[in-house]
Amino acid sequence: MAKERSSFLGPRLRRLRRGLGLTQAAMAEDLDVSASYIALIERNHRPLSADLLIRLAETYDVEISAFAGAEDQTVSQLEAALADPVFSNFSIGREDIRDLTAANPALGDAVAALYGAYRASQSAVMEARAGGGVVKDPLEEARDFIGRARNYFPALDQAGEETASALAARKHGLFEALSERFLDRHGLKVRVLPDDVMVGAYRRHDRHRKQIMISETLDQASRVFQLALQIALIEGRDLLDENVNGGTFDTDAGRRLTRAALANYYAGAIILPYDKILQSAEELKYDIEALGRRFSASFEQICHRLTTLQRPGAEGVPFFFLRFDAAGNVSKRFSGGVFPFARYGGSCPVWNIHESFRIPRKIITQLVQLPEGDSYFSIARTVHGGAGGFGAPSAERAVALGCDIKHAEKLVYANNVDLESAPRAEIGVTCRLCSRPACAARAHPPLERRLIIDEHRRLATPFSFTFD
């Protein structure tokens, strides 16, 4: 009798092994089997037995259910991609997609990434028409690099966890433990200094005097982050270079911005180690403020870290993240294929995340739906940027965190929300790329539609356009 296909989990085993940084021989030794047997399973020439699956779970602290369903995110991305009209002549169903991701998850990821690149290129072309040309943007290069990796860098997470474990052994607060590490390992003294001495800087590495200088205007969470960031830059120099050298950049600024972003990722992994933050997030139902109190971290730091929890076999909710100011300018965004951000321009005015500025520090929620039918659950709250003190320069921004609606039940913010029947706000990615005809909040006509100008009729919507 033929074995059920579901027992052939070779590609998923391969992804788990690579995510753990193990060779076939090393995994075989851990599981007390031969390396050739691991190779046969990974090529789907042998089924993954229940006994071996249990050993996998016990040896690597992996949830069996998470391992078995590791391709769900790719399935969702492929479903969204194949719903595009460009595939309308093909009869591709959910089972076809599951066949692909089960047999070869890497190929499924590649197809999803290819479609994401197609969508991005289409957006870039349309936006270039409005702007008169395509300019190489270093910031977009950095965002593309992080997006292709789905904002997950396992080697940085591992290094951050190792550093966090060593710091925890010092039995001090994190700031004190980091200060001791600088002194013991690098001969650098940490000093917290007044703003007039720092001359507007938050952190400075003074090599001549062998000290790390931190501005006293920063709150404690920011001081800790700046020290962790400096640790990442000093101790993780080769690791950062190795990760960045795996990418292709048209500009040196793009490469430098990417390296800086990865250093911030490394710092986040030190302050919020992967296993601990994931366990706490699930225990607290992703209550961001409660997580911030538990880890002595800021609201934005927690939001940012939650977007990176994509370790194979131990994934968190796949979030997207957005930081913007009151004028709608986006200064940070992370998606990893979860949400189709526009490369340029602000977000949709119908999306209530902008209302967070009217009620500072209060979390607001919303169910939204894109024109293609994809639905998301989002939360937003303002955060205070800049140094403390009367008259000091500061900036009030807002951050938004969201996920596919199918994950919303895991969030404390959706406890009293009817996710099935509650109304969804109909939003677009950005006005120039949105073809919704009856939007009174529209600021620009869609780039791919022909405007209809009728002097004898005034519609309730700002623009009228064709759909041919």
Protein backbone atom coordinates (compact mmCIF):
# COMPACT_ATOMS: atom_id res chain seq x y z
CA MET A 1 0.00 0.00 0.00
CA ALA A 2 1.34 3.42 -0.90
CA LYS A 3 2.15 5.63 2.03
CA GLU A 4 0.21 8.84 2.48
CA ARG A 5 1.86 11.78 0.77
CA SER A 6 1.72 13.85 3.97
CA SER A 7 4.42 11.62 5.52
CA PHE A 8 6.91 12.76 2.88
CA LEU A 9 8.18 15.95 4.45
CA GLY A 10 11.68 16.04 2.99
CA PRO A 11 11.78 19.67 1.85
CA ARG A 12 10.46 20.84 5.19
CA LEU A 13 13.10 18.79 7.02
CA ARG A 14 15.74 20.38 4.78
CA ARG A 15 14.47 23.87 5.61
CA LEU A 16 14.50 23.10 9.33
CA ARG A 17 18.05 21.71 9.15
CA ARG A 18 19.35 24.69 7.22
CA GLY A 19 17.54 27.10 9.53
CA LEU A 20 19.37 25.47 12.45
CA GLY A 21 22.69 25.73 10.60
CA LEU A 22 23.29 21.96 10.64
CA THR A 23 24.84 19.61 8.10
CA GLN A 24 23.11 16.33 7.28
CA ALA A 25 25.82 14.51 9.22
CA ALA A 26 25.33 16.72 12.30
CA MET A 27 21.56 16.25 12.29
CA ALA A 28 21.95 12.51 11.78
CA GLU A 29 24.25 12.32 14.80
CA ASP A 30 21.75 14.30 16.92
CA LEU A 31 18.90 11.98 15.90
CA ASP A 32 20.94 8.74 16.07
CA VAL A 33 20.37 7.83 12.42
CA SER A 34 22.65 7.68 9.39
CA ALA A 35 23.45 10.72 7.26
CA SER A 36 22.33 8.79 4.18
CA TYR A 37 18.91 8.27 5.79
CA ILE A 38 18.55 12.02 6.36
CA ALA A 39 19.53 12.58 2.72
CA LEU A 40 16.90 10.08 1.52
CA ILE A 41 14.18 11.75 3.61
CA GLU A 42 15.12 15.20 2.30
CA ARG A 43 14.82 13.93 -1.29
CA ASN A 44 11.42 12.37 -0.45
CA HIS A 45 12.82 8.90 -1.11
CA ARG A 46 11.84 7.89 2.41
CA PRO A 47 8.91 9.07 4.56
CA LEU A 48 9.46 10.95 7.80
CA SER A 49 8.27 8.46 10.42
CA ALA A 50 6.25 9.45 13.47
CA ASP A 51 9.08 8.24 15.70
CA LEU A 52 11.65 10.43 13.96
CA LEU A 53 9.25 13.38 13.97
CA ILE A 54 8.93 13.06 17.77
CA ARG A 55 12.71 12.90 18.10
CA LEU A 56 13.01 16.01 15.95
CA ALA A 57 10.58 17.86 18.20
CA GLU A 58 12.36 16.78 21.38
CA THR A 59 15.91 17.35 20.11
CA TYR A 60 15.38 20.79 18.57
CA ASP A 61 12.47 21.99 20.70
CA VAL A 62 10.21 22.23 17.65
CA GLU A 63 6.43 22.01 17.79
CA ILE A 64 5.28 19.11 15.63
CA SER A 65 2.24 21.04 14.43
CA ALA A 66 4.37 24.02 13.46
CA PHE A 67 6.78 21.74 11.57
CA ALA A 68 3.96 20.04 9.71
CA GLY A 69 2.40 23.34 8.69
CA ALA A 70 5.53 25.32 7.97
CA GLU A 71 4.51 26.09 4.39
CA ASP A 72 1.21 27.81 5.32
CA GLN A 73 2.63 31.29 4.86
CA THR A 74 3.94 30.41 1.40
CA VAL A 75 0.56 28.87 0.50
CA SER A 76 -1.18 32.11 1.49
CA GLN A 77 1.26 34.20 -0.53
CA LEU A 78 0.86 31.97 -3.58
CA GLU A 79 -2.92 32.04 -3.29
CA ALA A 80 -2.83 35.83 -3.27
CA ALA A 81 -0.42 35.87 -6.22
CA LEU A 82 -2.38 33.39 -8.33
CA ALA A 83 -5.58 35.37 -7.77
CA ASP A 84 -4.07 38.08 -9.98
CA PRO A 85 -5.90 38.46 -13.32
CA VAL A 86 -2.66 37.65 -15.14
CA PHE A 87 -3.27 33.99 -14.12
CA SER A 88 -6.97 33.98 -15.00
CA ASN A 89 -6.49 31.53 -17.92
CA PHE A 90 -4.99 28.88 -15.65
CA SER A 91 -7.00 26.52 -13.47
CA ILE A 92 -4.85 26.48 -10.35
CA GLY A 93 -6.56 25.47 -7.11
CA ARG A 94 -5.51 25.37 -3.47
CA GLU A 95 -4.55 21.71 -3.71
CA ASP A 96 -2.23 22.47 -6.63
CA ILE A 97 -0.54 25.13 -4.52
CA ARG A 98 -0.22 22.78 -1.55
CA ASP A 99 1.27 20.12 -3.85
CA LEU A 100 3.95 22.58 -4.94
CA THR A 101 4.83 23.83 -1.46
CA ALA A 102 4.83 20.32 0.03
CA ALA A 103 7.04 18.88 -2.70
CA ASN A 104 9.39 21.84 -3.01
CA PRO A 105 8.88 24.72 -0.54
CA ALA A 106 11.96 26.53 -1.86
CA LEU A 107 10.40 26.64 -5.33
CA GLY A 108 7.11 27.83 -3.79
CA ASP A 109 8.99 30.62 -2.03
CA ALA A 110 10.73 31.48 -5.30
CA VAL A 111 7.42 31.75 -7.19
CA ALA A 112 5.95 33.95 -4.43
CA ALA A 113 9.08 36.13 -4.46
CA LEU A 114 8.97 36.36 -8.25
CA TYR A 115 5.39 37.57 -8.14
CA GLY A 116 6.34 40.06 -5.43
CA ALA A 117 9.12 41.36 -7.66
CA TYR A 118 6.67 41.59 -10.56
CA ARG A 119 4.24 43.61 -8.45
CA ALA A 120 7.05 45.85 -7.23
CA SER A 121 8.31 46.44 -10.77
CA GLN A 122 4.81 47.26 -11.97
CA SER A 123 4.44 49.77 -9.14
CA ALA A 124 7.86 51.24 -9.85
CA VAL A 125 7.04 51.64 -13.56
CA MET A 126 3.74 53.36 -12.84
CA GLU A 127 5.27 55.61 -10.23
CA ALA A 128 8.16 56.43 -12.56
CA ARG A 129 5.64 57.61 -15.17
CA ALA A 130 4.37 60.14 -12.67
CA GLY A 131 7.86 61.17 -11.56
CA GLY A 132 9.46 61.34 -15.00
CA GLY A 133 12.01 58.57 -14.59
CA VAL A 134 13.55 55.90 -12.33
CA VAL A 135 16.16 56.99 -9.82
CA LYS A 136 18.26 54.48 -7.93
CA ASP A 137 17.13 54.87 -4.34
CA PRO A 138 19.53 53.59 -1.64
CA LEU A 139 16.72 53.36 0.90
CA GLU A 140 14.66 51.18 -1.43
CA GLU A 141 17.70 48.98 -2.08
CA ALA A 142 17.98 48.35 1.66
CA ARG A 143 14.24 47.69 1.98
CA ASP A 144 14.32 45.28 -0.97
CA PHE A 145 17.23 43.36 0.56
CA ILE A 146 15.40 42.96 3.86
CA GLY A 147 12.14 42.12 2.08
CA ARG A 148 13.73 39.33 0.07
CA ALA A 149 14.88 37.74 3.33
CA ARG A 150 11.39 38.25 4.85
CA ASN A 151 13.11 40.27 7.55
CA TYR A 152 14.60 37.11 9.06
CA PHE A 153 18.37 36.59 9.45
CA PRO A 154 19.05 33.39 11.41
CA ALA A 155 22.78 33.93 11.89
CA LEU A 156 22.15 37.33 13.49
CA ASP A 157 19.46 35.85 15.73
CA GLN A 158 21.80 33.10 16.88
CA ALA A 159 24.62 35.54 17.61
CA GLY A 160 22.23 37.82 19.46
CA GLU A 161 20.91 34.95 21.59
CA GLU A 162 24.45 33.88 22.51
CA THR A 163 25.29 37.41 23.59
CA ALA A 164 22.04 37.68 25.55
CA SER A 165 22.80 34.44 27.41
CA ALA A 166 26.25 35.69 28.36
CA LEU A 167 24.82 38.99 29.58
CA ALA A 168 22.13 37.22 31.64
CA ALA A 169 24.85 35.32 33.50
CA ARG A 170 26.20 38.60 34.89
CA LYS A 171 23.15 38.96 37.17
CA HIS A 172 22.82 42.69 36.50
CA GLY A 173 20.41 44.85 34.60
CA LEU A 174 21.01 44.83 30.85
CA PHE A 175 22.57 48.31 30.77
CA GLU A 176 25.04 47.41 33.52
CA ALA A 177 25.78 44.01 31.95
CA LEU A 178 26.49 45.60 28.57
CA SER A 179 28.72 48.22 30.21
CA GLU A 180 30.73 45.48 31.94
CA ARG A 181 31.09 43.57 28.66
CA PHE A 182 32.52 46.65 26.94
CA LEU A 183 35.04 47.14 29.72
CA ASP A 184 36.03 43.47 30.12
CA ARG A 185 36.23 42.53 26.45
CA HIS A 186 37.15 45.75 24.69
CA GLY A 187 38.63 48.04 27.32
CA LEU A 188 35.90 50.58 26.65
CA LYS A 189 34.25 52.54 29.43
CA VAL A 190 30.55 53.44 29.08
CA ARG A 191 29.70 57.00 30.11
CA VAL A 192 26.31 58.71 30.19
CA LEU A 193 26.90 62.38 29.40
CA PRO A 194 24.90 65.62 29.12
CA ASP A 195 23.54 66.75 25.78
CA ASP A 196 25.91 69.70 25.49
CA VAL A 197 28.86 67.31 25.71
CA MET A 198 27.31 64.95 23.16
CA VAL A 199 26.63 67.87 20.79
CA GLY A 200 23.31 66.41 19.64
CA ALA A 201 24.54 62.80 19.28
CA TYR A 202 22.79 59.90 21.00
CA ARG A 203 25.81 57.59 20.93
CA ARG A 204 29.45 58.01 20.10
CA HIS A 205 32.34 55.56 20.06
CA ASP A 206 35.39 57.58 21.12
CA ARG A 207 38.30 55.40 20.06
CA HIS A 208 40.96 57.86 21.26
CA ARG A 209 39.67 57.97 24.85
CA LYS A 210 38.42 54.36 24.71
CA GLN A 211 34.86 55.05 25.73
CA ILE A 212 31.30 54.64 24.61
CA MET A 213 29.39 57.86 25.19
CA ILE A 214 25.60 57.78 25.62
CA SER A 215 23.36 60.84 25.83
CA GLU A 216 21.55 61.28 29.14
CA THR A 217 18.56 62.63 27.20
CA LEU A 218 17.66 59.06 26.14
CA ASP A 219 15.26 56.97 28.18
CA GLN A 220 16.51 53.68 29.62
CA ALA A 221 15.16 51.50 26.79
CA SER A 222 16.93 53.67 24.21
CA ARG A 223 20.18 53.69 26.18
CA VAL A 224 20.17 49.90 26.31
CA PHE A 225 19.43 49.68 22.60
CA GLN A 226 22.30 52.04 21.72
CA LEU A 227 24.73 49.91 23.74
CA ALA A 228 23.45 46.71 22.13
CA LEU A 229 23.82 48.35 18.72
CA GLN A 230 27.44 49.26 19.47
CA ILE A 231 28.10 45.67 20.56
CA ALA A 232 26.66 44.48 17.24
CA LEU A 233 28.91 46.88 15.29
CA ILE A 234 32.06 45.84 17.16
CA GLU A 235 31.60 42.13 17.81
CA GLY A 236 29.43 41.36 14.79
CA ARG A 237 31.47 43.20 12.18
CA ASP A 238 32.40 40.11 10.15
CA LEU A 239 28.92 38.62 10.47
CA LEU A 240 27.29 41.84 9.25
CA ASP A 241 29.68 41.99 6.30
CA GLU A 242 28.96 38.36 5.44
CA ASN A 243 25.22 38.99 5.33
CA VAL A 244 25.48 42.20 3.32
CA ASN A 245 27.97 40.70 0.85
CA GLY A 246 25.30 38.20 -0.14
CA GLY A 247 23.32 41.00 -1.79
CA THR A 248 23.75 43.08 -4.93
CA PHE A 249 23.64 46.87 -4.64
CA ASP A 250 23.73 49.59 -7.27
CA THR A 251 24.83 52.20 -4.77
CA ASP A 252 27.32 52.23 -1.92
CA ALA A 253 24.76 54.10 0.17
CA GLY A 254 22.30 51.22 -0.32
CA ARG A 255 24.86 48.76 0.97
CA ARG A 256 25.69 50.92 3.98
CA LEU A 257 22.03 51.45 4.84
CA THR A 258 21.47 47.69 4.66
CA ARG A 259 24.41 47.03 6.95
CA ALA A 260 23.06 49.57 9.43
CA ALA A 261 19.63 47.89 9.33
CA LEU A 262 21.20 44.50 10.01
CA ALA A 263 23.14 45.95 12.94
CA ASN A 264 19.83 47.18 14.36
CA TYR A 265 18.40 43.66 13.82
CA TYR A 266 21.38 42.19 15.73
CA ALA A 267 20.83 44.67 18.58
CA GLY A 268 17.16 43.68 18.74
CA ALA A 269 18.17 40.02 18.97
CA ILE A 270 20.36 40.84 21.99
CA ILE A 271 17.66 42.76 23.86
CA LEU A 272 14.81 40.47 22.83
CA PRO A 273 16.23 36.94 22.31
CA TYR A 274 14.19 34.89 19.84
CA ASP A 275 12.93 32.06 22.03
CA LYS A 276 12.10 34.31 24.98
CA ILE A 277 10.24 36.95 23.02
CA LEU A 278 8.30 34.35 21.01
CA GLN A 279 7.29 32.43 24.13
CA SER A 280 6.22 35.62 25.89
CA ALA A 281 4.38 36.93 22.82
CA GLU A 282 2.31 33.76 22.59
CA GLU A 283 1.70 33.71 26.35
CA LEU A 284 0.55 37.35 26.38
CA LYS A 285 -1.35 37.09 23.06
CA TYR A 286 0.96 39.66 21.46
CA ASP A 287 0.06 42.37 23.97
CA ILE A 288 2.75 44.87 22.93
CA GLU A 289 2.57 47.08 26.00
CA ALA A 290 2.75 44.07 28.34
CA LEU A 291 5.73 42.73 26.39
CA GLY A 292 7.40 46.12 26.66
CA ARG A 293 7.07 46.05 30.45
CA ARG A 294 8.35 42.48 30.66
CA PHE A 295 11.46 43.20 28.58
CA SER A 296 11.94 46.89 29.51
CA ALA A 297 11.68 47.76 25.83
CA SER A 298 9.82 50.48 23.96
CA PHE A 299 6.58 49.99 22.05
CA GLU A 300 8.37 50.45 18.73
CA GLN A 301 11.18 48.05 19.66
CA ILE A 302 8.64 45.32 20.45
CA CYS A 303 6.69 45.95 17.22
CA HIS A 304 9.86 45.83 15.17
CA ARG A 305 11.04 42.60 16.79
CA LEU A 306 7.69 40.88 16.27
CA THR A 307 8.12 41.24 12.49
CA THR A 308 11.29 39.13 12.58
CA LEU A 309 9.93 35.96 14.23
CA GLN A 310 10.06 33.67 11.19
CA ARG A 311 12.37 30.84 12.27
CA PRO A 312 11.36 27.60 10.47
CA GLY A 313 9.40 25.43 12.87
CA ALA A 314 9.06 28.26 15.42
CA GLU A 315 7.29 31.03 13.57
CA GLY A 316 5.39 33.82 15.24
CA VAL A 317 2.50 35.68 13.64
CA PRO A 318 3.76 37.07 10.28
CA PHE A 319 3.34 40.80 10.85
CA PHE A 320 3.94 43.82 8.68
CA PHE A 321 5.22 47.05 10.22
CA LEU A 322 4.89 50.70 9.26
CA ARG A 323 6.21 53.88 10.89
CA PHE A 324 4.99 57.24 9.64
CA ASP A 325 4.58 60.87 10.66
CA ALA A 326 1.50 63.09 10.79
CA ALA A 327 2.06 64.14 7.18
CA GLY A 328 1.93 60.51 6.02
CA ASN A 329 5.65 60.18 5.27
CA VAL A 330 6.82 56.59 5.82
CA SER A 331 10.20 56.29 7.54
CA LYS A 332 10.18 52.53 8.19
CA ARG A 333 8.34 49.60 6.71
CA PHE A 334 8.84 45.86 6.91
CA SER A 335 6.67 43.30 5.23
CA GLY A 336 8.50 40.26 3.89
CA GLY A 337 5.68 39.59 1.43
CA VAL A 338 2.91 39.86 4.03
CA PHE A 339 1.55 43.23 2.85
CA PRO A 340 2.06 44.95 -0.56
CA PHE A 341 3.42 48.36 0.40
CA ALA A 342 3.89 50.98 -2.29
CA ARG A 343 7.53 51.90 -2.86
CA TYR A 344 6.79 55.62 -2.76
CA GLY A 345 4.08 57.88 -1.40
CA GLY A 346 1.92 57.63 1.70
CA SER A 347 -0.62 55.04 2.72
CA CYS A 348 -4.36 54.98 2.11
CA PRO A 349 -6.29 57.81 3.86
CA VAL A 350 -9.18 55.42 4.57
CA TRP A 351 -6.89 53.33 6.77
CA ASN A 352 -7.52 54.55 10.32
CA ILE A 353 -3.87 54.30 11.38
CA HIS A 354 -3.64 58.03 10.68
CA GLU A 355 -6.24 58.71 13.37
CA SER A 356 -3.77 57.62 16.02
CA PHE A 357 -2.40 61.19 16.08
CA ARG A 358 -5.79 62.41 17.35
CA ILE A 359 -5.61 60.11 20.38
CA PRO A 360 -1.91 59.84 21.31
CA ARG A 361 -0.68 56.66 23.00
CA LYS A 362 -4.03 54.90 22.55
CA ILE A 363 -4.07 51.71 20.48
CA ILE A 364 -6.64 51.70 17.69
CA THR A 365 -7.64 48.67 15.63
CA GLN A 366 -9.25 48.08 12.25
CA LEU A 367 -10.16 45.38 9.78
CA VAL A 368 -9.12 46.38 6.26
CA GLN A 369 -9.48 44.84 2.81
CA LEU A 370 -7.44 45.49 -0.33
CA PRO A 371 -9.04 45.67 -3.80
CA GLU A 372 -7.81 42.12 -4.54
CA GLY A 373 -9.86 40.84 -1.57
CA ASP A 374 -7.05 40.20 0.93
CA SER A 375 -8.14 41.12 4.48
CA TYR A 376 -5.90 42.25 7.34
CA PHE A 377 -6.18 43.16 11.02
CA SER A 378 -4.15 46.22 12.02
CA ILE A 379 -3.31 48.13 15.17
CA ALA A 380 -1.69 51.56 15.44
CA ARG A 381 -0.36 53.82 18.17
CA THR A 382 1.75 56.94 18.39
CA VAL A 383 5.33 56.80 19.69
CA HIS A 384 7.54 59.65 20.83
CA GLY A 385 10.83 60.13 19.04
CA GLY A 386 13.75 62.32 20.04
CA ALA A 387 15.46 63.16 23.28
CA GLY A 388 13.84 64.13 26.55
CA GLY A 389 13.84 67.51 28.23
CA PHE A 390 11.91 70.74 27.90
CA GLY A 391 12.41 72.39 24.53
CA ALA A 392 14.44 69.48 23.17
CA PRO A 393 13.82 68.48 19.52
CA SER A 394 11.28 65.69 19.30
CA ALA A 395 9.03 63.98 16.81
CA GLU A 396 5.65 62.37 17.28
CA ARG A 397 5.28 59.41 14.97
CA ALA A 398 2.93 56.46 14.76
CA VAL A 399 3.60 52.79 14.19
CA ALA A 400 1.20 50.29 12.67
CA LEU A 401 1.42 46.53 13.03
CA GLY A 402 -0.81 44.19 11.08
CA CYS A 403 -1.33 40.62 9.95
CA ASP A 404 -3.50 38.52 7.69
CA ILE A 405 -6.95 38.22 9.22
CA LYS A 406 -6.55 34.46 9.63
CA HIS A 407 -3.93 35.13 12.35
CA ALA A 408 -5.89 37.85 14.15
CA GLU A 409 -7.48 35.47 16.67
CA LYS A 410 -4.04 35.03 18.23
CA LEU A 411 -3.95 38.73 19.20
CA VAL A 412 -5.38 40.16 22.41
CA TYR A 413 -6.60 43.16 20.39
CA ALA A 414 -9.08 40.99 18.50
CA ASN A 415 -10.68 39.41 21.58
CA ASN A 416 -13.98 41.24 21.15
CA VAL A 417 -13.97 41.50 17.37
CA ASP A 418 -16.17 39.36 15.14
CA LEU A 419 -13.53 38.52 12.56
CA GLU A 420 -16.02 36.78 10.29
CA SER A 421 -18.72 39.41 9.90
CA ALA A 422 -17.30 42.69 11.17
CA PRO A 423 -17.14 45.32 8.40
CA ARG A 424 -13.83 45.85 6.64
CA ALA A 425 -12.58 49.26 5.57
CA GLU A 426 -11.89 49.15 1.83
CA ILE A 427 -8.38 50.52 1.43
CA GLY A 428 -5.80 50.61 -1.34
CA VAL A 429 -2.02 50.43 -1.33
CA THR A 430 -1.76 54.06 -2.40
CA CYS A 431 -4.04 56.32 -4.45
CA ARG A 432 -1.98 56.14 -7.65
CA LEU A 433 -2.11 52.34 -7.60
CA CYS A 434 -5.71 51.91 -6.40
CA SER A 435 -8.59 51.52 -8.87
CA ARG A 436 -11.49 51.77 -6.41
CA PRO A 437 -14.01 54.02 -8.20
CA ALA A 438 -16.13 55.31 -5.29
CA CYS A 439 -13.52 56.67 -2.90
CA ALA A 440 -14.23 60.19 -1.66
CA ALA A 441 -10.82 60.30 0.05
CA ARG A 442 -8.85 59.77 -3.15
CA ALA A 443 -5.96 62.25 -3.56
CA HIS A 444 -4.76 61.16 -7.02
CA PRO A 445 -6.30 59.32 -9.97
CA PRO A 446 -4.95 55.82 -10.69
CA LEU A 447 -2.01 55.83 -13.08
CA GLU A 448 -3.32 53.04 -15.29
CA ARG A 449 -6.78 54.52 -15.89
CA ARG A 450 -7.88 57.20 -18.35
CA LEU A 451 -9.47 60.22 -16.70
CA ILE A 452 -12.99 61.27 -17.68
CA ILE A 453 -13.44 65.03 -17.59
CA ASP A 454 -17.09 66.12 -17.65
CA GLU A 455 -17.74 69.84 -17.08
CA HIS A 456 -21.50 69.27 -16.86
CA ARG A 457 -21.44 66.81 -13.97
CA ARG A 458 -19.89 66.91 -10.49
CA LEU A 459 -19.53 63.52 -8.80
CA ALA A 460 -19.16 62.85 -5.09
CA THR A 461 -15.71 61.39 -5.76
CA PRO A 462 -12.76 63.62 -6.77
CA PHE A 463 -11.97 61.79 -10.04
CA SER A 464 -13.82 59.78 -12.66
CA PHE A 465 -11.93 57.29 -14.82
CA THR A 466 -12.39 54.40 -17.21
CA PHE A 467 -11.86 50.68 -16.53
CA ASP A 468 -10.81 49.62 -20.03
